[in-house]
Amino acid sequence: MWNSYAFVHYATMEEARRALDQSNGAM
């Protein structure tokens, strides 16, 4: 059960970092 939560949390952080990287690239 915790594994799924950890995966979702990691996926969210990965998406956030990707969005941040895209924002920096646009700048």
C-alpha atoms as a PDB file:
ATOM      1  CA  MET A   1       0.000   0.000   0.000  1.00  0.00           C
ATOM      2  CA  TRP A   2       2.749   2.452   0.985  1.00  0.00           C
ATOM      3  CA  ASN A   3       4.603   1.509  -2.195  1.00  0.00           C
ATOM      4  CA  SER A   4       1.797   2.905  -4.346  1.00  0.00           C
ATOM      5  CA  TYR A   5       1.727   6.110  -2.301  1.00  0.00           C
ATOM      6  CA  ALA A   6       5.484   6.496  -2.612  1.00  0.00           C
ATOM      7  CA  PHE A   7       5.248   5.965  -6.364  1.00  0.00           C
ATOM      8  CA  VAL A   8       2.549   8.618  -6.710  1.00  0.00           C
ATOM      9  CA  HIS A   9       4.534  11.022  -4.541  1.00  0.00           C
ATOM     10  CA  TYR A  10       7.666  10.424  -6.587  1.00  0.00           C
ATOM     11  CA  ALA A  11       5.759  10.830  -9.850  1.00  0.00           C
ATOM     12  CA  THR A  12       4.326  14.133  -8.625  1.00  0.00           C
ATOM     13  CA  MET A  13       7.742  15.424  -7.611  1.00  0.00           C
ATOM     14  CA  GLU A  14       9.164  14.337 -10.958  1.00  0.00           C
ATOM     15  CA  GLU A  15       6.404  16.191 -12.794  1.00  0.00           C
ATOM     16  CA  ALA A  16       6.934  19.297 -10.667  1.00  0.00           C
ATOM     17  CA  ARG A  17      10.677  19.261 -11.310  1.00  0.00           C
ATOM     18  CA  ARG A  18      10.061  18.764 -15.024  1.00  0.00           C
ATOM     19  CA  ALA A  19       7.667  21.721 -15.104  1.00  0.00           C
ATOM     20  CA  LEU A  20      10.196  23.828 -13.207  1.00  0.00           C
ATOM     21  CA  ASP A  21      12.936  22.826 -15.629  1.00  0.00           C
ATOM     22  CA  GLN A  22      10.686  23.721 -18.572  1.00  0.00           C
ATOM     23  CA  SER A  23       9.973  27.106 -16.988  1.00  0.00           C
ATOM     24  CA  ASN A  24      13.688  27.759 -16.523  1.00  0.00           C
ATOM     25  CA  GLY A  25      14.340  26.720 -20.112  1.00  0.00           C
ATOM     26  CA  ALA A  26      11.668  29.113 -21.363  1.00  0.00           C
ATOM     27  CA  MET A  27      13.344  31.900 -19.432  1.00  0.00           C
END
